[in-house]
Every structure is written in C-alpha cells, then in structure tokens.
C-alpha atoms as a PDB file:
ATOM      1  CA  MET A   1     112.859  33.005  23.708  1.00  0.00           C
ATOM      2  CA  HIS A   2     113.197  35.708  26.362  1.00  0.00           C
ATOM      3  CA  LYS A   3     110.779  36.338  29.212  1.00  0.00           C
ATOM      4  CA  ILE A   4     111.146  39.977  30.211  1.00  0.00           C
ATOM      5  CA  ALA A   5     109.793  41.587  33.389  1.00  0.00           C
ATOM      6  CA  VAL A   6     109.041  45.222  32.530  1.00  0.00           C
ATOM      7  CA  ILE A   7     109.001  47.398  35.658  1.00  0.00           C
ATOM      8  CA  SER A   8     108.222  51.110  35.929  1.00  0.00           C
ATOM      9  CA  ASP A   9     107.280  53.886  38.341  1.00  0.00           C
ATOM     10  CA  VAL A  10     108.326  52.414  41.677  1.00  0.00           C
ATOM     11  CA  HIS A  11     108.222  55.872  43.300  1.00  0.00           C
ATOM     12  CA  GLY A  12     110.163  54.879  46.392  1.00  0.00           C
ATOM     13  CA  ASN A  13     107.948  51.930  47.309  1.00  0.00           C
ATOM     14  CA  VAL A  14     110.386  49.309  48.604  1.00  0.00           C
ATOM     15  CA  THR A  15     107.818  46.719  49.666  1.00  0.00           C
ATOM     16  CA  ALA A  16     105.949  46.791  46.350  1.00  0.00           C
ATOM     17  CA  LEU A  17     109.171  46.409  44.351  1.00  0.00           C
ATOM     18  CA  GLN A  18     110.197  43.412  46.458  1.00  0.00           C
ATOM     19  CA  ALA A  19     106.817  41.786  45.788  1.00  0.00           C
ATOM     20  CA  VAL A  20     107.023  42.402  42.034  1.00  0.00           C
ATOM     21  CA  ILE A  21     110.559  41.030  41.785  1.00  0.00           C
ATOM     22  CA  SER A  22     109.530  37.918  43.706  1.00  0.00           C
ATOM     23  CA  ASP A  23     106.538  37.384  41.408  1.00  0.00           C
ATOM     24  CA  ALA A  24     108.674  37.855  38.266  1.00  0.00           C
ATOM     25  CA  GLN A  25     111.317  35.435  39.494  1.00  0.00           C
ATOM     26  CA  GLN A  26     108.677  32.826  40.299  1.00  0.00           C
ATOM     27  CA  ALA A  27     107.302  33.325  36.775  1.00  0.00           C
ATOM     28  CA  GLY A  28     110.739  32.499  35.345  1.00  0.00           C
ATOM     29  CA  CYS A  29     111.672  35.886  33.898  1.00  0.00           C
ATOM     30  CA  THR A  30     115.081  35.880  32.206  1.00  0.00           C
ATOM     31  CA  ASP A  31     115.495  39.655  31.766  1.00  0.00           C
ATOM     32  CA  PHE A  32     114.382  42.791  33.599  1.00  0.00           C
ATOM     33  CA  TRP A  33     113.779  46.207  32.014  1.00  0.00           C
ATOM     34  CA  PHE A  34     113.324  49.289  34.174  1.00  0.00           C
ATOM     35  CA  MET A  35     111.389  52.202  32.678  1.00  0.00           C
ATOM     36  CA  GLY A  36     112.196  54.994  35.148  1.00  0.00           C
ATOM     37  CA  ASP A  37     110.859  56.820  38.224  1.00  0.00           C
ATOM     38  CA  LEU A  38     112.556  54.753  40.920  1.00  0.00           C
ATOM     39  CA  PHE A  39     112.398  57.342  43.735  1.00  0.00           C
ATOM     40  CA  VAL A  40     109.950  59.703  45.501  1.00  0.00           C
ATOM     41  CA  PRO A  41     107.635  59.992  47.334  1.00  0.00           C
ATOM     42  CA  GLY A  42     108.361  56.713  49.155  1.00  0.00           C
ATOM     43  CA  PRO A  43     111.189  55.866  51.590  1.00  0.00           C
ATOM     44  CA  GLY A  44     113.430  53.883  49.219  1.00  0.00           C
ATOM     45  CA  ALA A  45     116.869  55.120  48.113  1.00  0.00           C
ATOM     46  CA  HIS A  46     120.020  52.951  47.992  1.00  0.00           C
ATOM     47  CA  ASP A  47     117.995  49.823  48.759  1.00  0.00           C
ATOM     48  CA  LEU A  48     115.957  50.260  45.571  1.00  0.00           C
ATOM     49  CA  LEU A  49     119.104  50.437  43.451  1.00  0.00           C
ATOM     50  CA  ALA A  50     120.444  47.386  45.287  1.00  0.00           C
ATOM     51  CA  LEU A  51     117.272  45.467  44.459  1.00  0.00           C
ATOM     52  CA  LEU A  52     117.615  46.322  40.772  1.00  0.00           C
ATOM     53  CA  ASP A  53     121.327  45.496  40.832  1.00  0.00           C
ATOM     54  CA  SER A  54     120.517  42.014  42.123  1.00  0.00           C
ATOM     55  CA  LEU A  55     118.648  41.303  38.865  1.00  0.00           C
ATOM     56  CA  PRO A  56     119.679  40.632  35.277  1.00  0.00           C
ATOM     57  CA  ILE A  57     118.812  44.219  34.265  1.00  0.00           C
ATOM     58  CA  THR A  58     119.345  44.553  30.526  1.00  0.00           C
ATOM     59  CA  ALA A  59     117.677  47.949  29.983  1.00  0.00           C
ATOM     60  CA  TYR A  60     117.262  51.033  32.189  1.00  0.00           C
ATOM     61  CA  VAL A  61     115.962  54.451  31.147  1.00  0.00           C
ATOM     62  CA  ARG A  62     115.544  57.759  32.994  1.00  0.00           C
ATOM     63  CA  GLY A  63     112.205  58.943  34.330  1.00  0.00           C
ATOM     64  CA  ASN A  64     110.988  62.465  35.044  1.00  0.00           C
ATOM     65  CA  TRP A  65     111.476  61.978  38.809  1.00  0.00           C
ATOM     66  CA  GLU A  66     115.138  61.098  38.284  1.00  0.00           C
ATOM     67  CA  HIS A  67     115.275  64.272  36.203  1.00  0.00           C
ATOM     68  CA  GLY A  68     113.692  66.163  39.105  1.00  0.00           C
ATOM     69  CA  LEU A  69     116.176  64.671  41.567  1.00  0.00           C
ATOM     70  CA  ILE A  70     119.061  65.936  39.436  1.00  0.00           C
ATOM     71  CA  GLU A  71     117.496  69.410  39.287  1.00  0.00           C
ATOM     72  CA  THR A  72     117.222  69.499  43.083  1.00  0.00           C
ATOM     73  CA  LEU A  73     120.842  68.436  43.514  1.00  0.00           C
ATOM     74  CA  ASP A  74     121.832  71.206  41.099  1.00  0.00           C
ATOM     75  CA  GLY A  75     119.960  73.794  43.193  1.00  0.00           C
ATOM     76  CA  GLN A  76     117.059  74.257  40.772  1.00  0.00           C
ATOM     77  CA  ILE A  77     114.370  74.609  43.442  1.00  0.00           C
ATOM     78  CA  ASP A  78     111.359  76.860  42.880  1.00  0.00           C
ATOM     79  CA  LEU A  79     110.381  78.094  46.335  1.00  0.00           C
ATOM     80  CA  ALA A  80     107.229  79.686  44.910  1.00  0.00           C
ATOM     81  CA  ASP A  81     105.936  76.260  43.828  1.00  0.00           C
ATOM     82  CA  PRO A  82     104.680  74.132  46.766  1.00  0.00           C
ATOM     83  CA  SER A  83     104.902  71.003  44.600  1.00  0.00           C
ATOM     84  CA  ASP A  84     108.559  71.670  43.845  1.00  0.00           C
ATOM     85  CA  VAL A  85     109.292  72.292  47.530  1.00  0.00           C
ATOM     86  CA  TYR A  86     107.586  68.981  48.385  1.00  0.00           C
ATOM     87  CA  GLU A  87     109.533  67.065  45.756  1.00  0.00           C
ATOM     88  CA  SER A  88     112.817  68.756  46.647  1.00  0.00           C
ATOM     89  CA  LEU A  89     112.536  67.890  50.339  1.00  0.00           C
ATOM     90  CA  ILE A  90     112.017  64.224  49.482  1.00  0.00           C
ATOM     91  CA  ASP A  91     114.787  64.429  46.862  1.00  0.00           C
ATOM     92  CA  ASP A  92     117.096  65.676  49.611  1.00  0.00           C
ATOM     93  CA  TYR A  93     116.008  62.759  51.801  1.00  0.00           C
ATOM     94  CA  VAL A  94     116.799  60.349  48.915  1.00  0.00           C
ATOM     95  CA  ARG A  95     120.170  61.999  48.218  1.00  0.00           C
ATOM     96  CA  ARG A  96     121.263  61.343  51.800  1.00  0.00           C
ATOM     97  CA  GLY A  97     120.661  57.634  51.136  1.00  0.00           C
ATOM     98  CA  LEU A  98     122.770  57.473  47.968  1.00  0.00           C
ATOM     99  CA  SER A  99     126.498  57.223  47.420  1.00  0.00           C
ATOM    100  CA  ALA A 100     128.379  59.613  45.140  1.00  0.00           C
ATOM    101  CA  ASP A 101     128.743  56.809  42.580  1.00  0.00           C
ATOM    102  CA  GLU A 102     124.992  56.163  42.650  1.00  0.00           C
ATOM    103  CA  GLU A 103     124.279  59.851  42.139  1.00  0.00           C
ATOM    104  CA  ARG A 104     126.601  59.911  39.109  1.00  0.00           C
ATOM    105  CA  ARG A 105     124.895  56.811  37.765  1.00  0.00           C
ATOM    106  CA  ILE A 106     121.491  58.492  37.920  1.00  0.00           C
ATOM    107  CA  ARG A 107     122.846  61.563  36.137  1.00  0.00           C
ATOM    108  CA  HIS A 108     123.985  59.414  33.204  1.00  0.00           C
ATOM    109  CA  LEU A 109     120.786  57.463  32.611  1.00  0.00           C
ATOM    110  CA  ARG A 110     119.551  57.534  29.029  1.00  0.00           C
ATOM    111  CA  LEU A 111     116.226  58.977  27.919  1.00  0.00           C
ATOM    112  CA  LEU A 112     115.846  56.377  25.158  1.00  0.00           C
ATOM    113  CA  GLN A 113     117.159  52.854  24.696  1.00  0.00           C
ATOM    114  CA  ILE A 114     116.799  50.642  21.627  1.00  0.00           C
ATOM    115  CA  VAL A 115     116.978  46.888  22.228  1.00  0.00           C
ATOM    116  CA  HIS A 116     117.337  44.337  19.430  1.00  0.00           C
ATOM    117  CA  LEU A 117     116.105  40.993  20.696  1.00  0.00           C
ATOM    118  CA  ASP A 118     115.094  37.783  18.899  1.00  0.00           C
ATOM    119  CA  GLY A 119     114.723  39.589  15.576  1.00  0.00           C
ATOM    120  CA  LEU A 120     112.574  42.422  16.952  1.00  0.00           C
ATOM    121  CA  THR A 121     113.417  46.051  17.684  1.00  0.00           C
ATOM    122  CA  PHE A 122     112.109  47.394  21.007  1.00  0.00           C
ATOM    123  CA  GLN A 123     111.982  51.130  21.718  1.00  0.00           C
ATOM    124  CA  LEU A 124     112.163  51.899  25.452  1.00  0.00           C
ATOM    125  CA  SER A 125     111.470  55.300  27.015  1.00  0.00           C
ATOM    126  CA  HIS A 126     109.834  56.544  30.183  1.00  0.00           C
ATOM    127  CA  ASN A 127     107.470  58.742  28.190  1.00  0.00           C
ATOM    128  CA  LEU A 128     108.244  60.172  24.762  1.00  0.00           C
ATOM    129  CA  PRO A 129     111.629  59.281  23.267  1.00  0.00           C
ATOM    130  CA  THR A 130     112.583  62.965  23.496  1.00  0.00           C
ATOM    131  CA  LYS A 131     110.772  64.021  26.693  1.00  0.00           C
ATOM    132  CA  ASP A 132     110.347  62.256  30.025  1.00  0.00           C
ATOM    133  CA  SER A 133     107.287  64.243  31.176  1.00  0.00           C
ATOM    134  CA  GLY A 134     103.908  65.394  29.837  1.00  0.00           C
ATOM    135  CA  HIS A 135     100.470  63.909  29.195  1.00  0.00           C
ATOM    136  CA  THR A 136     100.575  63.109  25.481  1.00  0.00           C
ATOM    137  CA  LEU A 137     100.507  59.340  26.012  1.00  0.00           C
ATOM    138  CA  ILE A 138      97.697  58.974  28.527  1.00  0.00           C
ATOM    139  CA  PRO A 139      95.642  55.841  27.720  1.00  0.00           C
ATOM    140  CA  THR A 140      92.811  57.923  26.256  1.00  0.00           C
ATOM    141  CA  GLY A 141      95.184  60.004  24.125  1.00  0.00           C
ATOM    142  CA  GLU A 142      94.958  60.513  20.384  1.00  0.00           C
ATOM    143  CA  GLN A 143      96.027  57.656  18.114  1.00  0.00           C
ATOM    144  CA  SER A 144      98.243  60.097  16.215  1.00  0.00           C
ATOM    145  CA  ALA A 145     100.329  60.722  19.359  1.00  0.00           C
ATOM    146  CA  PHE A 146     101.082  57.020  19.717  1.00  0.00           C
ATOM    147  CA  ASP A 147     101.851  56.657  16.004  1.00  0.00           C
ATOM    148  CA  GLU A 148     104.280  59.568  16.208  1.00  0.00           C
ATOM    149  CA  MET A 149     105.905  58.224  19.380  1.00  0.00           C
ATOM    150  CA  VAL A 150     106.780  54.901  17.743  1.00  0.00           C
ATOM    151  CA  GLY A 151     107.599  56.163  14.257  1.00  0.00           C
ATOM    152  CA  GLN A 152     108.922  53.627  11.759  1.00  0.00           C
ATOM    153  CA  ARG A 153     111.934  52.175  13.530  1.00  0.00           C
ATOM    154  CA  ALA A 154     110.464  49.912  16.199  1.00  0.00           C
ATOM    155  CA  ASP A 155     108.363  46.764  16.225  1.00  0.00           C
ATOM    156  CA  VAL A 156     107.413  47.260  19.870  1.00  0.00           C
ATOM    157  CA  ALA A 157     107.432  50.457  21.966  1.00  0.00           C
ATOM    158  CA  VAL A 158     107.459  50.266  25.767  1.00  0.00           C
ATOM    159  CA  TYR A 159     106.902  53.270  28.036  1.00  0.00           C
ATOM    160  CA  GLY A 160     105.779  54.078  31.579  1.00  0.00           C
ATOM    161  CA  HIS A 161     104.909  57.417  33.210  1.00  0.00           C
ATOM    162  CA  THR A 162     101.096  57.316  33.021  1.00  0.00           C
ATOM    163  CA  HIS A 163     100.664  54.778  35.870  1.00  0.00           C
ATOM    164  CA  HIS A 164      98.074  52.863  33.846  1.00  0.00           C
ATOM    165  CA  GLN A 165      98.615  49.521  32.169  1.00  0.00           C
ATOM    166  CA  LEU A 166      98.102  49.611  28.426  1.00  0.00           C
ATOM    167  CA  PHE A 167      98.361  47.306  25.427  1.00  0.00           C
ATOM    168  CA  ARG A 168      97.492  48.798  22.042  1.00  0.00           C
ATOM    169  CA  GLN A 169      98.737  49.130  18.465  1.00  0.00           C
ATOM    170  CA  THR A 170      99.841  51.897  16.163  1.00  0.00           C
ATOM    171  CA  THR A 171      97.906  52.475  12.973  1.00  0.00           C
ATOM    172  CA  ALA A 172     100.582  50.417  11.229  1.00  0.00           C
ATOM    173  CA  GLY A 173     100.186  47.532  13.705  1.00  0.00           C
ATOM    174  CA  GLN A 174     103.271  47.991  15.893  1.00  0.00           C
ATOM    175  CA  LEU A 175     102.758  47.083  19.546  1.00  0.00           C
ATOM    176  CA  ILE A 176     102.726  49.605  22.394  1.00  0.00           C
ATOM    177  CA  ILE A 177     103.011  48.385  25.992  1.00  0.00           C
ATOM    178  CA  ASN A 178     102.793  50.215  29.301  1.00  0.00           C
ATOM    179  CA  PRO A 179     103.448  47.976  32.345  1.00  0.00           C
ATOM    180  CA  GLY A 180     101.712  50.363  34.743  1.00  0.00           C
ATOM    181  CA  THR A 181     103.175  51.373  38.077  1.00  0.00           C
ATOM    182  CA  VAL A 182     104.803  49.310  40.803  1.00  0.00           C
ATOM    183  CA  GLY A 183     104.413  51.835  43.586  1.00  0.00           C
ATOM    184  CA  MET A 184     101.695  54.386  42.826  1.00  0.00           C
ATOM    185  CA  PRO A 185      98.453  53.030  41.292  1.00  0.00           C
ATOM    186  CA  PHE A 186      95.582  55.515  41.070  1.00  0.00           C
ATOM    187  CA  PRO A 187      92.723  54.012  39.025  1.00  0.00           C
ATOM    188  CA  HIS A 188      90.376  56.716  37.713  1.00  0.00           C
ATOM    189  CA  TRP A 189      87.222  54.633  37.361  1.00  0.00           C
ATOM    190  CA  HIS A 190      85.530  54.524  40.757  1.00  0.00           C
ATOM    191  CA  ARG A 191      84.774  50.783  40.647  1.00  0.00           C
ATOM    192  CA  PHE A 192      88.479  50.038  40.147  1.00  0.00           C
ATOM    193  CA  ALA A 193      89.758  52.543  42.699  1.00  0.00           C
ATOM    194  CA  THR A 194      90.198  50.012  45.486  1.00  0.00           C
ATOM    195  CA  ASP A 195      92.633  47.902  43.432  1.00  0.00           C
ATOM    196  CA  LEU A 196      95.998  49.320  44.495  1.00  0.00           C
ATOM    197  CA  ARG A 197      98.106  46.246  43.798  1.00  0.00           C
ATOM    198  CA  ALA A 198     101.587  46.699  42.344  1.00  0.00           C
ATOM    199  CA  GLN A 199     101.597  46.524  38.542  1.00  0.00           C
ATOM    200  CA  TYR A 200     104.129  45.315  35.999  1.00  0.00           C
ATOM    201  CA  ALA A 201     104.226  43.360  32.721  1.00  0.00           C
ATOM    202  CA  ILE A 202     105.867  40.211  31.408  1.00  0.00           C
ATOM    203  CA  VAL A 203     106.769  40.252  27.711  1.00  0.00           C
ATOM    204  CA  THR A 204     107.674  36.896  26.183  1.00  0.00           C
ATOM    205  CA  THR A 205     109.343  36.883  22.778  1.00  0.00           C
ATOM    206  CA  ASN A 206     108.448  34.401  20.041  1.00  0.00           C
ATOM    207  CA  GLY A 207     111.171  35.127  17.518  1.00  0.00           C
ATOM    208  CA  VAL A 208     109.942  37.689  14.996  1.00  0.00           C
ATOM    209  CA  ALA A 209     106.312  36.811  15.754  1.00  0.00           C
ATOM    210  CA  MET A 210     104.204  39.040  17.981  1.00  0.00           C
ATOM    211  CA  PRO A 211     105.392  38.726  21.599  1.00  0.00           C
ATOM    212  CA  ASP A 212     103.040  37.607  24.340  1.00  0.00           C
ATOM    213  CA  VAL A 213     102.132  40.291  26.878  1.00  0.00           C
ATOM    214  CA  ASP A 214     100.950  39.552  30.423  1.00  0.00           C
ATOM    215  CA  LEU A 215      99.828  42.624  32.383  1.00  0.00           C
ATOM    216  CA  ARG A 216     100.189  41.570  36.003  1.00  0.00           C
ATOM    217  CA  LYS A 217      99.087  42.860  39.425  1.00  0.00           C
ATOM    218  CA  VAL A 218     100.738  41.768  42.674  1.00  0.00           C
ATOM    219  CA  THR A 219      99.463  42.093  46.240  1.00  0.00           C
ATOM    220  CA  TYR A 220     101.917  43.536  48.770  1.00  0.00           C
ATOM    221  CA  ASP A 221     101.808  44.710  52.402  1.00  0.00           C
ATOM    222  CA  ALA A 222     101.051  48.441  52.231  1.00  0.00           C
ATOM    223  CA  GLU A 223     101.005  48.757  56.026  1.00  0.00           C
ATOM    224  CA  ALA A 224     104.542  47.355  56.209  1.00  0.00           C
ATOM    225  CA  GLU A 225     105.618  49.965  53.672  1.00  0.00           C
ATOM    226  CA  ILE A 226     103.999  52.741  55.709  1.00  0.00           C
ATOM    227  CA  ALA A 227     105.757  51.487  58.847  1.00  0.00           C
ATOM    228  CA  LEU A 228     109.074  51.545  56.955  1.00  0.00           C
ATOM    229  CA  ALA A 229     108.449  55.133  55.864  1.00  0.00           C
ATOM    230  CA  GLN A 230     107.637  56.177  59.424  1.00  0.00           C
ATOM    231  CA  GLN A 231     110.707  54.412  60.798  1.00  0.00           C
ATOM    232  CA  ARG A 232     112.978  56.166  58.295  1.00  0.00           C
ATOM    233  CA  GLY A 233     111.572  59.635  58.914  1.00  0.00           C
ATOM    234  CA  LEU A 234     110.217  60.161  55.394  1.00  0.00           C
ATOM    235  CA  PRO A 235     109.072  63.770  54.793  1.00  0.00           C
ATOM    236  CA  TYR A 236     105.295  64.125  54.302  1.00  0.00           C
ATOM    237  CA  VAL A 237     104.826  60.573  55.558  1.00  0.00           C
ATOM    238  CA  ASP A 238     101.094  61.088  56.236  1.00  0.00           C
ATOM    239  CA  LEU A 239     100.488  61.930  52.574  1.00  0.00           C
ATOM    240  CA  TYR A 240     102.413  58.818  51.554  1.00  0.00           C
ATOM    241  CA  ALA A 241     100.314  56.672  53.889  1.00  0.00           C
ATOM    242  CA  GLU A 242      97.107  58.147  52.453  1.00  0.00           C
ATOM    243  CA  GLN A 243      98.311  57.419  48.921  1.00  0.00           C
ATOM    244  CA  LEU A 244      99.002  53.754  49.689  1.00  0.00           C
ATOM    245  CA  ARG A 245      95.703  53.267  51.489  1.00  0.00           C
ATOM    246  CA  THR A 246      93.373  55.172  49.148  1.00  0.00           C
ATOM    247  CA  GLY A 247      95.157  55.755  45.836  1.00  0.00           C
ATOM    248  CA  VAL A 248      94.770  59.523  46.249  1.00  0.00           C
ATOM    249  CA  VAL A 249      97.940  61.286  45.080  1.00  0.00           C
ATOM    250  CA  HIS A 250      98.711  64.850  46.175  1.00  0.00           C
ATOM    251  CA  THR A 251     101.977  65.520  44.333  1.00  0.00           C
ATOM    252  CA  HIS A 252     100.444  68.394  42.349  1.00  0.00           C
ATOM    253  CA  ASP A 253      97.912  69.678  44.894  1.00  0.00           C
ATOM    254  CA  ASN A 254      99.689  72.958  45.615  1.00  0.00           C
ATOM    255  CA  ALA A 255      97.199  74.278  48.165  1.00  0.00           C
ATOM    256  CA  LEU A 256      97.386  71.112  50.267  1.00  0.00           C
ATOM    257  CA  LEU A 257     101.168  70.839  49.954  1.00  0.00           C
ATOM    258  CA  ALA A 258     101.637  74.447  51.074  1.00  0.00           C
ATOM    259  CA  ARG A 259      99.491  73.777  54.157  1.00  0.00           C
ATOM    260  CA  GLU A 260     101.357  70.558  54.947  1.00  0.00           C
ATOM    261  CA  THR A 261     104.765  72.203  54.601  1.00  0.00           C
ATOM    262  CA  GLN A 262     103.662  74.906  57.033  1.00  0.00           C
ATOM    263  CA  ARG A 263     101.933  72.476  59.441  1.00  0.00           C
ATOM    264  CA  LEU A 264     105.002  70.266  59.605  1.00  0.00           C
ATOM    265  CA  GLY A 265     107.301  73.209  60.243  1.00  0.00           C
ATOM    266  CA  TYR A 266     109.490  72.450  57.234  1.00  0.00           C
ATOM    267  CA  GLY A 267     110.377  76.101  56.558  1.00  0.00           C
ATOM    268  CA  PRO A 268     113.840  76.024  58.236  1.00  0.00           C
ATOM    269  CA  ARG A 269     114.560  72.655  56.653  1.00  0.00           C
ATOM    270  CA  VAL A 270     113.787  74.077  53.208  1.00  0.00           C
ATOM    271  CA  ALA A 271     116.047  77.073  53.814  1.00  0.00           C
ATOM    272  CA  THR A 272     118.930  74.834  54.914  1.00  0.00           C
ATOM    273  CA  MET A 273     118.475  72.603  51.884  1.00  0.00           C
ATOM    274  CA  VAL A 274     118.464  75.521  49.440  1.00  0.00           C
ATOM    275  CA  ALA A 275     121.593  77.014  51.033  1.00  0.00           C
ATOM    276  CA  ARG A 276     123.424  73.688  50.883  1.00  0.00           C
ATOM    277  CA  TYR A 277     122.719  73.016  47.216  1.00  0.00           C
ATOM    278  CA  SER A 278     123.405  76.619  46.266  1.00  0.00           C
ATOM    279  CA  ARG A 279     126.940  76.256  47.665  1.00  0.00           C
ATOM    280  CA  SER A 280     127.629  72.885  46.024  1.00  0.00           C
END
C-alpha cells in the first residue's frame, strides 16, 4: 500500500506549501507527486524547490507557468500583452532566485508521466497529456473531454491546472483526480468564496482495487506569506496580497495590469529585462 500526497499549483506560495507538506507528513504519506505550476505570482523560488527536494518525490510534471518561465528566459516576451509583461517581471524575479542547475532542471521537466504502482497505471499531467494549458478540463467540462484525456491506457488519471478539486470517472469507469491548488484557491460559488485554505489530495492504493481519495484543505498563515512577499520585494505585491485575502486573481485582467505596471513605474525595469534576455 502507498499513501501518496498529490500536490499542484503552488504558484509561489511558500507558506501554503509548508503547511501542506506538514499535514501530509502527519498523515503518514509515503510518496509525493507534484503536478506543476510551482512558481509565480508568489515570492517563492529556490526555497520551493528545496522543500520539494526534502520529500520522497516520485513524480514531477511540468505546468504551464514553468513553460511561461522558460519562454521569458528565452526572450519570448510580448510587450503588447499586459498579462505577459506581468508574468515576465515575476519570472525574472524568480530566475534571480534560481541556480543554473535549477533552471536546467525546470527546462527538462516532462509534460506527461506514467506511474505503475501496486498493479495500477496512473497517468499524470498538469492539464492534457499533450498540452499544459487551456480550459478543456474545467470541472463543468464535457464528459467526452475527460474520456479523451484518459484514453484506454490508464486506470487513474491525475491532473491539476484548474485550481478546483475534483473526483469523477470516465464513461468506462476509470478514476480522474484533481487535487486542487496549494497556493491560489478561487472558489466560484459565492458561499464558498471565503474558503481560501491550501488544497491537496491523498491517494491511498489498495492493490488493484479502487484507491481511496481524500481531498484535503489546510489552513495556513496568509498574512505571514504576504509579509514574506513584501520583505523579498515581490513585483506586484499588492495584487498578491489581495489574491491571498480575497481569492480574486488578476493574472489575466489586462486593463488592471497595464495600470499597475504604469503606477508602479515598472517601464524601465521591463526594458532592462527585455534587453538582458535578448542578449542571452
């Protein structure tokens, strides 16, 4: 029997990840799987990788924000897109907290990982097995999308990306699990919107029988995380603080991001960043 802590979508939130790891260790987890999106928009960089490295990590796939980090480092920055400017500035902040070896490690993360465990085949991907972004697998999505995502090869499919915990089946009866998000909950239903606890899942194998799934939520100190972000000089720190306190996420609000970039005087910083990555 294996007891697996499935963690996804930390998004730079150091304090939330620490709380989740502590909860999983107290629960007796034997394995840890990470489903992508470790960085941005929070203040974590090397310390997040160090936290994961302290665990028995037996699976690790790439998320769309790791993909975005690589694009920034390769100079693929769209100055006409306020959202891309926002992400790139925080990517640059993260890059300054990583070693060259850590950067190479992120570049070589896999999009898909297949794990054979206790007689079952698990399919692990951040989103689709062939694409780390998009909205096909939102919890209210079509059954056909989930059937196609799993196909015929897996008994259990695990994915992240949507920031909503999910436990459902394919038409054929295979299991699909989403552990939710460690660092960026944003419940849509207004009565749930105040529950911003860190989310993850524990999957316990039972041989070839159906595994047990425990969708968990963990309280953490959001104000301590905000203080850490302020101390480290995180770009757009006010937006990060609002996200942690209210669940409102502005990563794709181009009008607001354009105003914030101008208000904060980030223009020269953006120009320097673009010039640096263009030369490298």
